[in-house]
mmCIF file of all heavy atoms, coordinates in Angstrom:
data_MODEL
# 
_entry.id   MODEL 
# 
loop_
_atom_site.group_PDB 
_atom_site.id 
_atom_site.type_symbol 
_atom_site.label_atom_id 
_atom_site.label_alt_id 
_atom_site.label_comp_id 
_atom_site.label_asym_id 
_atom_site.label_entity_id 
_atom_site.label_seq_id 
_atom_site.pdbx_PDB_ins_code 
_atom_site.Cartn_x 
_atom_site.Cartn_y 
_atom_site.Cartn_z 
_atom_site.occupancy 
_atom_site.B_iso_or_equiv 
_atom_site.pdbx_formal_charge 
_atom_site.auth_seq_id 
_atom_site.auth_comp_id 
_atom_site.auth_asym_id 
_atom_site.auth_atom_id 
_atom_site.pdbx_PDB_model_num 
ATOM 1   N N   . ALA A 1 1  ? -14.790 -26.124 8.714  1.00 0.00 ? 1  ALA A N   1 
ATOM 2   C CA  . ALA A 1 1  ? -14.593 -27.533 8.387  1.00 0.00 ? 1  ALA A CA  1 
ATOM 3   C C   . ALA A 1 1  ? -14.968 -28.462 9.525  1.00 0.00 ? 1  ALA A C   1 
ATOM 4   O O   . ALA A 1 1  ? -15.452 -29.579 9.304  1.00 0.00 ? 1  ALA A O   1 
ATOM 5   C CB  . ALA A 1 1  ? -13.139 -27.766 7.977  1.00 0.00 ? 1  ALA A CB  1 
ATOM 6   N N   . SER A 1 2  ? -14.762 -28.036 10.767 1.00 0.00 ? 2  SER A N   1 
ATOM 7   C CA  . SER A 1 2  ? -15.014 -28.909 11.913 1.00 0.00 ? 2  SER A CA  1 
ATOM 8   C C   . SER A 1 2  ? -16.502 -29.167 12.148 1.00 0.00 ? 2  SER A C   1 
ATOM 9   O O   . SER A 1 2  ? -16.860 -30.034 12.948 1.00 0.00 ? 2  SER A O   1 
ATOM 10  C CB  . SER A 1 2  ? -14.394 -28.308 13.175 1.00 0.00 ? 2  SER A CB  1 
ATOM 11  O OG  . SER A 1 2  ? -15.027 -27.090 13.518 1.00 0.00 ? 2  SER A OG  1 
ATOM 12  N N   . TYR A 1 3  ? -17.377 -28.445 11.473 1.00 0.00 ? 3  TYR A N   1 
ATOM 13  C CA  . TYR A 1 3  ? -18.818 -28.664 11.632 1.00 0.00 ? 3  TYR A CA  1 
ATOM 14  C C   . TYR A 1 3  ? -19.242 -30.030 11.082 1.00 0.00 ? 3  TYR A C   1 
ATOM 15  O O   . TYR A 1 3  ? -20.284 -30.535 11.440 1.00 0.00 ? 3  TYR A O   1 
ATOM 16  C CB  . TYR A 1 3  ? -19.604 -27.565 10.918 1.00 0.00 ? 3  TYR A CB  1 
ATOM 17  C CG  . TYR A 1 3  ? -19.804 -26.303 11.708 1.00 0.00 ? 3  TYR A CG  1 
ATOM 18  C CD1 . TYR A 1 3  ? -18.895 -25.909 12.690 1.00 0.00 ? 3  TYR A CD1 1 
ATOM 19  C CD2 . TYR A 1 3  ? -20.892 -25.476 11.480 1.00 0.00 ? 3  TYR A CD2 1 
ATOM 20  C CE1 . TYR A 1 3  ? -19.078 -24.742 13.405 1.00 0.00 ? 3  TYR A CE1 1 
ATOM 21  C CE2 . TYR A 1 3  ? -21.093 -24.312 12.190 1.00 0.00 ? 3  TYR A CE2 1 
ATOM 22  C CZ  . TYR A 1 3  ? -20.178 -23.938 13.148 1.00 0.00 ? 3  TYR A CZ  1 
ATOM 23  O OH  . TYR A 1 3  ? -20.360 -22.781 13.859 1.00 0.00 ? 3  TYR A OH  1 
ATOM 24  N N   . PHE A 1 4  ? -18.488 -30.565 10.166 1.00 0.00 ? 4  PHE A N   1 
ATOM 25  C CA  . PHE A 1 4  ? -18.776 -31.819 9.478  1.00 0.00 ? 4  PHE A CA  1 
ATOM 26  C C   . PHE A 1 4  ? -20.002 -31.670 8.580  1.00 0.00 ? 4  PHE A C   1 
ATOM 27  O O   . PHE A 1 4  ? -19.903 -31.766 7.368  1.00 0.00 ? 4  PHE A O   1 
ATOM 28  C CB  . PHE A 1 4  ? -18.969 -32.989 10.454 1.00 0.00 ? 4  PHE A CB  1 
ATOM 29  C CG  . PHE A 1 4  ? -19.018 -34.329 9.760  1.00 0.00 ? 4  PHE A CG  1 
ATOM 30  C CD1 . PHE A 1 4  ? -17.845 -34.956 9.388  1.00 0.00 ? 4  PHE A CD1 1 
ATOM 31  C CD2 . PHE A 1 4  ? -20.223 -34.951 9.480  1.00 0.00 ? 4  PHE A CD2 1 
ATOM 32  C CE1 . PHE A 1 4  ? -17.872 -36.179 8.719  1.00 0.00 ? 4  PHE A CE1 1 
ATOM 33  C CE2 . PHE A 1 4  ? -20.273 -36.167 8.821  1.00 0.00 ? 4  PHE A CE2 1 
ATOM 34  C CZ  . PHE A 1 4  ? -19.085 -36.779 8.440  1.00 0.00 ? 4  PHE A CZ  1 
ATOM 35  N N   . CYS A 1 5  ? -21.156 -31.436 9.168  1.00 0.00 ? 5  CYS A N   1 
ATOM 36  C CA  . CYS A 1 5  ? -22.378 -31.369 8.375  1.00 0.00 ? 5  CYS A CA  1 
ATOM 37  C C   . CYS A 1 5  ? -23.423 -30.531 9.105  1.00 0.00 ? 5  CYS A C   1 
ATOM 38  O O   . CYS A 1 5  ? -23.575 -30.668 10.320 1.00 0.00 ? 5  CYS A O   1 
ATOM 39  C CB  . CYS A 1 5  ? -22.910 -32.788 8.138  1.00 0.00 ? 5  CYS A CB  1 
ATOM 40  S SG  . CYS A 1 5  ? -24.141 -32.925 6.840  1.00 0.00 ? 5  CYS A SG  1 
ATOM 41  N N   . TYR A 1 6  ? -24.108 -29.670 8.366  1.00 0.00 ? 6  TYR A N   1 
ATOM 42  C CA  . TYR A 1 6  ? -25.183 -28.801 8.848  1.00 0.00 ? 6  TYR A CA  1 
ATOM 43  C C   . TYR A 1 6  ? -24.661 -27.541 9.549  1.00 0.00 ? 6  TYR A C   1 
ATOM 44  O O   . TYR A 1 6  ? -23.706 -27.567 10.299 1.00 0.00 ? 6  TYR A O   1 
ATOM 45  C CB  . TYR A 1 6  ? -26.167 -29.546 9.757  1.00 0.00 ? 6  TYR A CB  1 
ATOM 46  C CG  . TYR A 1 6  ? -26.832 -30.697 9.047  1.00 0.00 ? 6  TYR A CG  1 
ATOM 47  C CD1 . TYR A 1 6  ? -26.626 -32.012 9.460  1.00 0.00 ? 6  TYR A CD1 1 
ATOM 48  C CD2 . TYR A 1 6  ? -27.641 -30.479 7.936  1.00 0.00 ? 6  TYR A CD2 1 
ATOM 49  C CE1 . TYR A 1 6  ? -27.210 -33.075 8.787  1.00 0.00 ? 6  TYR A CE1 1 
ATOM 50  C CE2 . TYR A 1 6  ? -28.221 -31.538 7.251  1.00 0.00 ? 6  TYR A CE2 1 
ATOM 51  C CZ  . TYR A 1 6  ? -28.007 -32.831 7.688  1.00 0.00 ? 6  TYR A CZ  1 
ATOM 52  O OH  . TYR A 1 6  ? -28.570 -33.881 7.014  1.00 0.00 ? 6  TYR A OH  1 
ATOM 53  N N   . TYR A 1 7  ? -25.334 -26.438 9.239  1.00 0.00 ? 7  TYR A N   1 
ATOM 54  C CA  . TYR A 1 7  ? -25.062 -25.098 9.752  1.00 0.00 ? 7  TYR A CA  1 
ATOM 55  C C   . TYR A 1 7  ? -23.799 -24.469 9.186  1.00 0.00 ? 7  TYR A C   1 
ATOM 56  O O   . TYR A 1 7  ? -23.495 -23.318 9.497  1.00 0.00 ? 7  TYR A O   1 
ATOM 57  C CB  . TYR A 1 7  ? -25.030 -25.064 11.288 1.00 0.00 ? 7  TYR A CB  1 
ATOM 58  C CG  . TYR A 1 7  ? -26.399 -24.812 11.881 1.00 0.00 ? 7  TYR A CG  1 
ATOM 59  C CD1 . TYR A 1 7  ? -27.281 -25.857 12.108 1.00 0.00 ? 7  TYR A CD1 1 
ATOM 60  C CD2 . TYR A 1 7  ? -26.826 -23.518 12.174 1.00 0.00 ? 7  TYR A CD2 1 
ATOM 61  C CE1 . TYR A 1 7  ? -28.549 -25.639 12.619 1.00 0.00 ? 7  TYR A CE1 1 
ATOM 62  C CE2 . TYR A 1 7  ? -28.088 -23.286 12.689 1.00 0.00 ? 7  TYR A CE2 1 
ATOM 63  C CZ  . TYR A 1 7  ? -28.944 -24.354 12.913 1.00 0.00 ? 7  TYR A CZ  1 
ATOM 64  O OH  . TYR A 1 7  ? -30.199 -24.122 13.414 1.00 0.00 ? 7  TYR A OH  1 
ATOM 65  N N   . GLU A 1 8  ? -23.050 -25.180 8.344  1.00 0.00 ? 8  GLU A N   1 
ATOM 66  C CA  . GLU A 1 8  ? -21.911 -24.520 7.715  1.00 0.00 ? 8  GLU A CA  1 
ATOM 67  C C   . GLU A 1 8  ? -22.382 -23.389 6.802  1.00 0.00 ? 8  GLU A C   1 
ATOM 68  O O   . GLU A 1 8  ? -21.685 -22.379 6.652  1.00 0.00 ? 8  GLU A O   1 
ATOM 69  C CB  . GLU A 1 8  ? -21.049 -25.516 6.926  1.00 0.00 ? 8  GLU A CB  1 
ATOM 70  C CG  . GLU A 1 8  ? -21.724 -26.189 5.745  1.00 0.00 ? 8  GLU A CG  1 
ATOM 71  C CD  . GLU A 1 8  ? -22.612 -27.351 6.140  1.00 0.00 ? 8  GLU A CD  1 
ATOM 72  O OE1 . GLU A 1 8  ? -22.354 -27.975 7.188  1.00 0.00 ? 8  GLU A OE1 1 
ATOM 73  O OE2 . GLU A 1 8  ? -23.572 -27.636 5.381  1.00 0.00 ? 8  GLU A OE2 1 
ATOM 74  N N   . ASP A 1 9  ? -23.578 -23.521 6.217  1.00 0.00 ? 9  ASP A N   1 
ATOM 75  C CA  . ASP A 1 9  ? -24.096 -22.457 5.368  1.00 0.00 ? 9  ASP A CA  1 
ATOM 76  C C   . ASP A 1 9  ? -24.602 -21.276 6.194  1.00 0.00 ? 9  ASP A C   1 
ATOM 77  O O   . ASP A 1 9  ? -24.281 -20.119 5.901  1.00 0.00 ? 9  ASP A O   1 
ATOM 78  C CB  . ASP A 1 9  ? -25.181 -22.976 4.425  1.00 0.00 ? 9  ASP A CB  1 
ATOM 79  C CG  . ASP A 1 9  ? -26.275 -23.798 5.112  1.00 0.00 ? 9  ASP A CG  1 
ATOM 80  O OD1 . ASP A 1 9  ? -26.241 -23.935 6.353  1.00 0.00 ? 9  ASP A OD1 1 
ATOM 81  O OD2 . ASP A 1 9  ? -27.158 -24.315 4.396  1.00 0.00 ? 9  ASP A OD2 1 
ATOM 82  N N   . THR A 1 10 ? -25.358 -21.550 7.261  1.00 0.00 ? 10 THR A N   1 
ATOM 83  C CA  . THR A 1 10 ? -25.861 -20.470 8.107  1.00 0.00 ? 10 THR A CA  1 
ATOM 84  C C   . THR A 1 10 ? -24.720 -19.706 8.774  1.00 0.00 ? 10 THR A C   1 
ATOM 85  O O   . THR A 1 10 ? -24.718 -18.469 8.820  1.00 0.00 ? 10 THR A O   1 
ATOM 86  C CB  . THR A 1 10 ? -26.806 -21.035 9.183  1.00 0.00 ? 10 THR A CB  1 
ATOM 87  O OG1 . THR A 1 10 ? -27.904 -21.697 8.543  1.00 0.00 ? 10 THR A OG1 1 
ATOM 88  C CG2 . THR A 1 10 ? -27.332 -19.935 10.085 1.00 0.00 ? 10 THR A CG2 1 
ATOM 89  N N   . ASP A 1 11 ? -23.731 -20.428 9.282  1.00 0.00 ? 11 ASP A N   1 
ATOM 90  C CA  . ASP A 1 11 ? -22.573 -19.792 9.909  1.00 0.00 ? 11 ASP A CA  1 
ATOM 91  C C   . ASP A 1 11 ? -21.821 -18.923 8.897  1.00 0.00 ? 11 ASP A C   1 
ATOM 92  O O   . ASP A 1 11 ? -21.437 -17.784 9.205  1.00 0.00 ? 11 ASP A O   1 
ATOM 93  C CB  . ASP A 1 11 ? -21.640 -20.872 10.473 1.00 0.00 ? 11 ASP A CB  1 
ATOM 94  C CG  . ASP A 1 11 ? -20.395 -20.294 11.120 1.00 0.00 ? 11 ASP A CG  1 
ATOM 95  O OD1 . ASP A 1 11 ? -19.419 -20.007 10.391 1.00 0.00 ? 11 ASP A OD1 1 
ATOM 96  O OD2 . ASP A 1 11 ? -20.391 -20.129 12.348 1.00 0.00 ? 11 ASP A OD2 1 
ATOM 97  N N   . THR A 1 12 ? -21.630 -19.435 7.696  1.00 0.00 ? 12 THR A N   1 
ATOM 98  C CA  . THR A 1 12 ? -20.911 -18.667 6.670  1.00 0.00 ? 12 THR A CA  1 
ATOM 99  C C   . THR A 1 12 ? -21.684 -17.418 6.284  1.00 0.00 ? 12 THR A C   1 
ATOM 100 O O   . THR A 1 12 ? -21.111 -16.321 6.168  1.00 0.00 ? 12 THR A O   1 
ATOM 101 C CB  . THR A 1 12 ? -20.664 -19.547 5.432  1.00 0.00 ? 12 THR A CB  1 
ATOM 102 O OG1 . THR A 1 12 ? -19.865 -20.674 5.814  1.00 0.00 ? 12 THR A OG1 1 
ATOM 103 C CG2 . THR A 1 12 ? -19.945 -18.765 4.346  1.00 0.00 ? 12 THR A CG2 1 
ATOM 104 N N   . ALA A 1 13 ? -22.983 -17.553 6.095  1.00 0.00 ? 13 ALA A N   1 
ATOM 105 C CA  . ALA A 1 13 ? -23.799 -16.392 5.740  1.00 0.00 ? 13 ALA A CA  1 
ATOM 106 C C   . ALA A 1 13 ? -23.785 -15.350 6.851  1.00 0.00 ? 13 ALA A C   1 
ATOM 107 O O   . ALA A 1 13 ? -23.724 -14.144 6.598  1.00 0.00 ? 13 ALA A O   1 
ATOM 108 C CB  . ALA A 1 13 ? -25.232 -16.841 5.455  1.00 0.00 ? 13 ALA A CB  1 
ATOM 109 N N   . TRP A 1 14 ? -23.825 -15.810 8.100  1.00 0.00 ? 14 TRP A N   1 
ATOM 110 C CA  . TRP A 1 14 ? -23.809 -14.889 9.247  1.00 0.00 ? 14 TRP A CA  1 
ATOM 111 C C   . TRP A 1 14 ? -22.509 -14.098 9.254  1.00 0.00 ? 14 TRP A C   1 
ATOM 112 O O   . TRP A 1 14 ? -22.498 -12.868 9.461  1.00 0.00 ? 14 TRP A O   1 
ATOM 113 C CB  . TRP A 1 14 ? -23.942 -15.691 10.538 1.00 0.00 ? 14 TRP A CB  1 
ATOM 114 C CG  . TRP A 1 14 ? -24.528 -14.941 11.700 1.00 0.00 ? 14 TRP A CG  1 
ATOM 115 C CD1 . TRP A 1 14 ? -24.364 -13.630 12.005 1.00 0.00 ? 14 TRP A CD1 1 
ATOM 116 C CD2 . TRP A 1 14 ? -25.381 -15.488 12.711 1.00 0.00 ? 14 TRP A CD2 1 
ATOM 117 N NE1 . TRP A 1 14 ? -25.036 -13.322 13.159 1.00 0.00 ? 14 TRP A NE1 1 
ATOM 118 C CE2 . TRP A 1 14 ? -25.678 -14.435 13.613 1.00 0.00 ? 14 TRP A CE2 1 
ATOM 119 C CE3 . TRP A 1 14 ? -25.896 -16.759 12.961 1.00 0.00 ? 14 TRP A CE3 1 
ATOM 120 C CZ2 . TRP A 1 14 ? -26.479 -14.628 14.732 1.00 0.00 ? 14 TRP A CZ2 1 
ATOM 121 C CZ3 . TRP A 1 14 ? -26.694 -16.946 14.078 1.00 0.00 ? 14 TRP A CZ3 1 
ATOM 122 C CH2 . TRP A 1 14 ? -26.982 -15.887 14.951 1.00 0.00 ? 14 TRP A CH2 1 
ATOM 123 N N   . ARG A 1 15 ? -21.388 -14.766 9.009  1.00 0.00 ? 15 ARG A N   1 
ATOM 124 C CA  . ARG A 1 15 ? -20.101 -14.062 8.982  1.00 0.00 ? 15 ARG A CA  1 
ATOM 125 C C   . ARG A 1 15 ? -20.012 -13.093 7.808  1.00 0.00 ? 15 ARG A C   1 
ATOM 126 O O   . ARG A 1 15 ? -19.424 -12.004 7.925  1.00 0.00 ? 15 ARG A O   1 
ATOM 127 C CB  . ARG A 1 15 ? -18.964 -15.080 8.933  1.00 0.00 ? 15 ARG A CB  1 
ATOM 128 C CG  . ARG A 1 15 ? -18.752 -15.790 10.265 1.00 0.00 ? 15 ARG A CG  1 
ATOM 129 C CD  . ARG A 1 15 ? -17.642 -16.813 10.208 1.00 0.00 ? 15 ARG A CD  1 
ATOM 130 N NE  . ARG A 1 15 ? -18.017 -18.009 9.469  1.00 0.00 ? 15 ARG A NE  1 
ATOM 131 C CZ  . ARG A 1 15 ? -17.416 -18.456 8.380  1.00 0.00 ? 15 ARG A CZ  1 
ATOM 132 N NH1 . ARG A 1 15 ? -16.389 -17.778 7.859  1.00 0.00 ? 15 ARG A NH1 1 
ATOM 133 N NH2 . ARG A 1 15 ? -17.815 -19.559 7.782  1.00 0.00 ? 15 ARG A NH2 1 
ATOM 134 N N   . LEU A 1 16 ? -20.590 -13.456 6.685  1.00 0.00 ? 16 LEU A N   1 
ATOM 135 C CA  . LEU A 1 16 ? -20.626 -12.530 5.546  1.00 0.00 ? 16 LEU A CA  1 
ATOM 136 C C   . LEU A 1 16 ? -21.423 -11.283 5.900  1.00 0.00 ? 16 LEU A C   1 
ATOM 137 O O   . LEU A 1 16 ? -21.004 -10.156 5.587  1.00 0.00 ? 16 LEU A O   1 
ATOM 138 C CB  . LEU A 1 16 ? -21.230 -13.210 4.324  1.00 0.00 ? 16 LEU A CB  1 
ATOM 139 C CG  . LEU A 1 16 ? -20.369 -14.268 3.624  1.00 0.00 ? 16 LEU A CG  1 
ATOM 140 C CD1 . LEU A 1 16 ? -21.183 -15.015 2.577  1.00 0.00 ? 16 LEU A CD1 1 
ATOM 141 C CD2 . LEU A 1 16 ? -19.142 -13.624 2.971  1.00 0.00 ? 16 LEU A CD2 1 
ATOM 142 N N   . ARG A 1 17 ? -22.552 -11.467 6.562  1.00 0.00 ? 17 ARG A N   1 
ATOM 143 C CA  . ARG A 1 17 ? -23.368 -10.308 6.944  1.00 0.00 ? 17 ARG A CA  1 
ATOM 144 C C   . ARG A 1 17 ? -22.650 -9.423  7.966  1.00 0.00 ? 17 ARG A C   1 
ATOM 145 O O   . ARG A 1 17 ? -22.701 -8.200  7.878  1.00 0.00 ? 17 ARG A O   1 
ATOM 146 C CB  . ARG A 1 17 ? -24.720 -10.776 7.493  1.00 0.00 ? 17 ARG A CB  1 
ATOM 147 C CG  . ARG A 1 17 ? -25.636 -11.278 6.396  1.00 0.00 ? 17 ARG A CG  1 
ATOM 148 C CD  . ARG A 1 17 ? -27.102 -11.151 6.770  1.00 0.00 ? 17 ARG A CD  1 
ATOM 149 N NE  . ARG A 1 17 ? -27.941 -11.291 5.580  1.00 0.00 ? 17 ARG A NE  1 
ATOM 150 C CZ  . ARG A 1 17 ? -28.226 -10.310 4.749  1.00 0.00 ? 17 ARG A CZ  1 
ATOM 151 N NH1 . ARG A 1 17 ? -27.751 -9.096  4.973  1.00 0.00 ? 17 ARG A NH1 1 
ATOM 152 N NH2 . ARG A 1 17 ? -28.995 -10.510 3.692  1.00 0.00 ? 17 ARG A NH2 1 
ATOM 153 N N   . LEU A 1 18 ? -21.969 -10.039 8.924  1.00 0.00 ? 18 LEU A N   1 
ATOM 154 C CA  . LEU A 1 18 ? -21.208 -9.255  9.887  1.00 0.00 ? 18 LEU A CA  1 
ATOM 155 C C   . LEU A 1 18 ? -20.121 -8.434  9.201  1.00 0.00 ? 18 LEU A C   1 
ATOM 156 O O   . LEU A 1 18 ? -19.777 -7.338  9.655  1.00 0.00 ? 18 LEU A O   1 
ATOM 157 C CB  . LEU A 1 18 ? -20.583 -10.180 10.936 1.00 0.00 ? 18 LEU A CB  1 
ATOM 158 C CG  . LEU A 1 18 ? -21.532 -10.770 11.974 1.00 0.00 ? 18 LEU A CG  1 
ATOM 159 C CD1 . LEU A 1 18 ? -20.833 -11.847 12.794 1.00 0.00 ? 18 LEU A CD1 1 
ATOM 160 C CD2 . LEU A 1 18 ? -22.087 -9.675  12.899 1.00 0.00 ? 18 LEU A CD2 1 
ATOM 161 N N   . ALA A 1 19 ? -19.591 -8.964  8.103  1.00 0.00 ? 19 ALA A N   1 
ATOM 162 C CA  . ALA A 1 19 ? -18.553 -8.252  7.357  1.00 0.00 ? 19 ALA A CA  1 
ATOM 163 C C   . ALA A 1 19 ? -19.125 -7.237  6.378  1.00 0.00 ? 19 ALA A C   1 
ATOM 164 O O   . ALA A 1 19 ? -18.374 -6.613  5.623  1.00 0.00 ? 19 ALA A O   1 
ATOM 165 C CB  . ALA A 1 19 ? -17.685 -9.256  6.599  1.00 0.00 ? 19 ALA A CB  1 
ATOM 166 N N   . GLY A 1 20 ? -20.458 -7.083  6.388  1.00 0.00 ? 20 GLY A N   1 
ATOM 167 C CA  . GLY A 1 20 ? -21.082 -6.042  5.577  1.00 0.00 ? 20 GLY A CA  1 
ATOM 168 C C   . GLY A 1 20 ? -21.637 -6.497  4.248  1.00 0.00 ? 20 GLY A C   1 
ATOM 169 O O   . GLY A 1 20 ? -22.126 -5.665  3.474  1.00 0.00 ? 20 GLY A O   1 
ATOM 170 N N   . TRP A 1 21 ? -21.611 -7.770  3.963  1.00 0.00 ? 21 TRP A N   1 
ATOM 171 C CA  . TRP A 1 21 ? -22.114 -8.289  2.693  1.00 0.00 ? 21 TRP A CA  1 
ATOM 172 C C   . TRP A 1 21 ? -23.599 -8.642  2.798  1.00 0.00 ? 21 TRP A C   1 
ATOM 173 O O   . TRP A 1 21 ? -24.102 -8.935  3.872  1.00 0.00 ? 21 TRP A O   1 
ATOM 174 C CB  . TRP A 1 21 ? -21.334 -9.535  2.276  1.00 0.00 ? 21 TRP A CB  1 
ATOM 175 C CG  . TRP A 1 21 ? -19.907 -9.277  1.918  1.00 0.00 ? 21 TRP A CG  1 
ATOM 176 C CD1 . TRP A 1 21 ? -18.815 -9.426  2.728  1.00 0.00 ? 21 TRP A CD1 1 
ATOM 177 C CD2 . TRP A 1 21 ? -19.413 -8.827  0.666  1.00 0.00 ? 21 TRP A CD2 1 
ATOM 178 N NE1 . TRP A 1 21 ? -17.672 -9.095  2.046  1.00 0.00 ? 21 TRP A NE1 1 
ATOM 179 C CE2 . TRP A 1 21 ? -18.002 -8.724  0.773  1.00 0.00 ? 21 TRP A CE2 1 
ATOM 180 C CE3 . TRP A 1 21 ? -20.010 -8.499  -0.556 1.00 0.00 ? 21 TRP A CE3 1 
ATOM 181 C CZ2 . TRP A 1 21 ? -17.199 -8.306  -0.281 1.00 0.00 ? 21 TRP A CZ2 1 
ATOM 182 C CZ3 . TRP A 1 21 ? -19.214 -8.092  -1.606 1.00 0.00 ? 21 TRP A CZ3 1 
ATOM 183 C CH2 . TRP A 1 21 ? -17.827 -7.986  -1.468 1.00 0.00 ? 21 TRP A CH2 1 
ATOM 184 N N   . ASP A 1 22 ? -24.273 -8.640  1.648  1.00 0.00 ? 22 ASP A N   1 
ATOM 185 C CA  . ASP A 1 22 ? -25.658 -9.079  1.560  1.00 0.00 ? 22 ASP A CA  1 
ATOM 186 C C   . ASP A 1 22 ? -25.721 -10.512 1.035  1.00 0.00 ? 22 ASP A C   1 
ATOM 187 O O   . ASP A 1 22 ? -24.759 -11.023 0.439  1.00 0.00 ? 22 ASP A O   1 
ATOM 188 C CB  . ASP A 1 22 ? -26.458 -8.179  0.612  1.00 0.00 ? 22 ASP A CB  1 
ATOM 189 C CG  . ASP A 1 22 ? -26.616 -6.760  1.144  1.00 0.00 ? 22 ASP A CG  1 
ATOM 190 O OD1 . ASP A 1 22 ? -26.521 -6.585  2.379  1.00 0.00 ? 22 ASP A OD1 1 
ATOM 191 O OD2 . ASP A 1 22 ? -26.830 -5.846  0.330  1.00 0.00 ? 22 ASP A OD2 1 
ATOM 192 N N   . VAL A 1 23 ? -26.864 -11.146 1.240  1.00 0.00 ? 23 VAL A N   1 
ATOM 193 C CA  . VAL A 1 23 ? -27.170 -12.453 0.656  1.00 0.00 ? 23 VAL A CA  1 
ATOM 194 C C   . VAL A 1 23 ? -28.510 -12.325 -0.043 1.00 0.00 ? 23 VAL A C   1 
ATOM 195 O O   . VAL A 1 23 ? -29.468 -11.804 0.538  1.00 0.00 ? 23 VAL A O   1 
ATOM 196 C CB  . VAL A 1 23 ? -27.246 -13.562 1.733  1.00 0.00 ? 23 VAL A CB  1 
ATOM 197 C CG1 . VAL A 1 23 ? -27.559 -14.909 1.097  1.00 0.00 ? 23 VAL A CG1 1 
ATOM 198 C CG2 . VAL A 1 23 ? -25.943 -13.631 2.524  1.00 0.00 ? 23 VAL A CG2 1 
ATOM 199 N N   . VAL A 1 24 ? -28.584 -12.768 -1.289 1.00 0.00 ? 24 VAL A N   1 
ATOM 200 C CA  . VAL A 1 24 ? -29.797 -12.594 -2.080 1.00 0.00 ? 24 VAL A CA  1 
ATOM 201 C C   . VAL A 1 24 ? -30.333 -13.940 -2.553 1.00 0.00 ? 24 VAL A C   1 
ATOM 202 O O   . VAL A 1 24 ? -29.627 -14.946 -2.538 1.00 0.00 ? 24 VAL A O   1 
ATOM 203 C CB  . VAL A 1 24 ? -29.538 -11.676 -3.300 1.00 0.00 ? 24 VAL A CB  1 
ATOM 204 C CG1 . VAL A 1 24 ? -29.210 -10.262 -2.839 1.00 0.00 ? 24 VAL A CG1 1 
ATOM 205 C CG2 . VAL A 1 24 ? -28.419 -12.227 -4.173 1.00 0.00 ? 24 VAL A CG2 1 
ATOM 206 N N   . GLY A 1 25 ? -31.586 -13.944 -2.955 1.00 0.00 ? 25 GLY A N   1 
ATOM 207 C CA  . GLY A 1 25 ? -32.209 -15.124 -3.522 1.00 0.00 ? 25 GLY A CA  1 
ATOM 208 C C   . GLY A 1 25 ? -32.368 -14.970 -5.015 1.00 0.00 ? 25 GLY A C   1 
ATOM 209 O O   . GLY A 1 25 ? -32.365 -13.860 -5.547 1.00 0.00 ? 25 GLY A O   1 
# 
């Protein structure tokens, strides 16, 4: 939440990948 705007999606995806999840298109 403290990001306000921008990179909240990249940060979230990075944490998902670290936790073993994939991201697809």
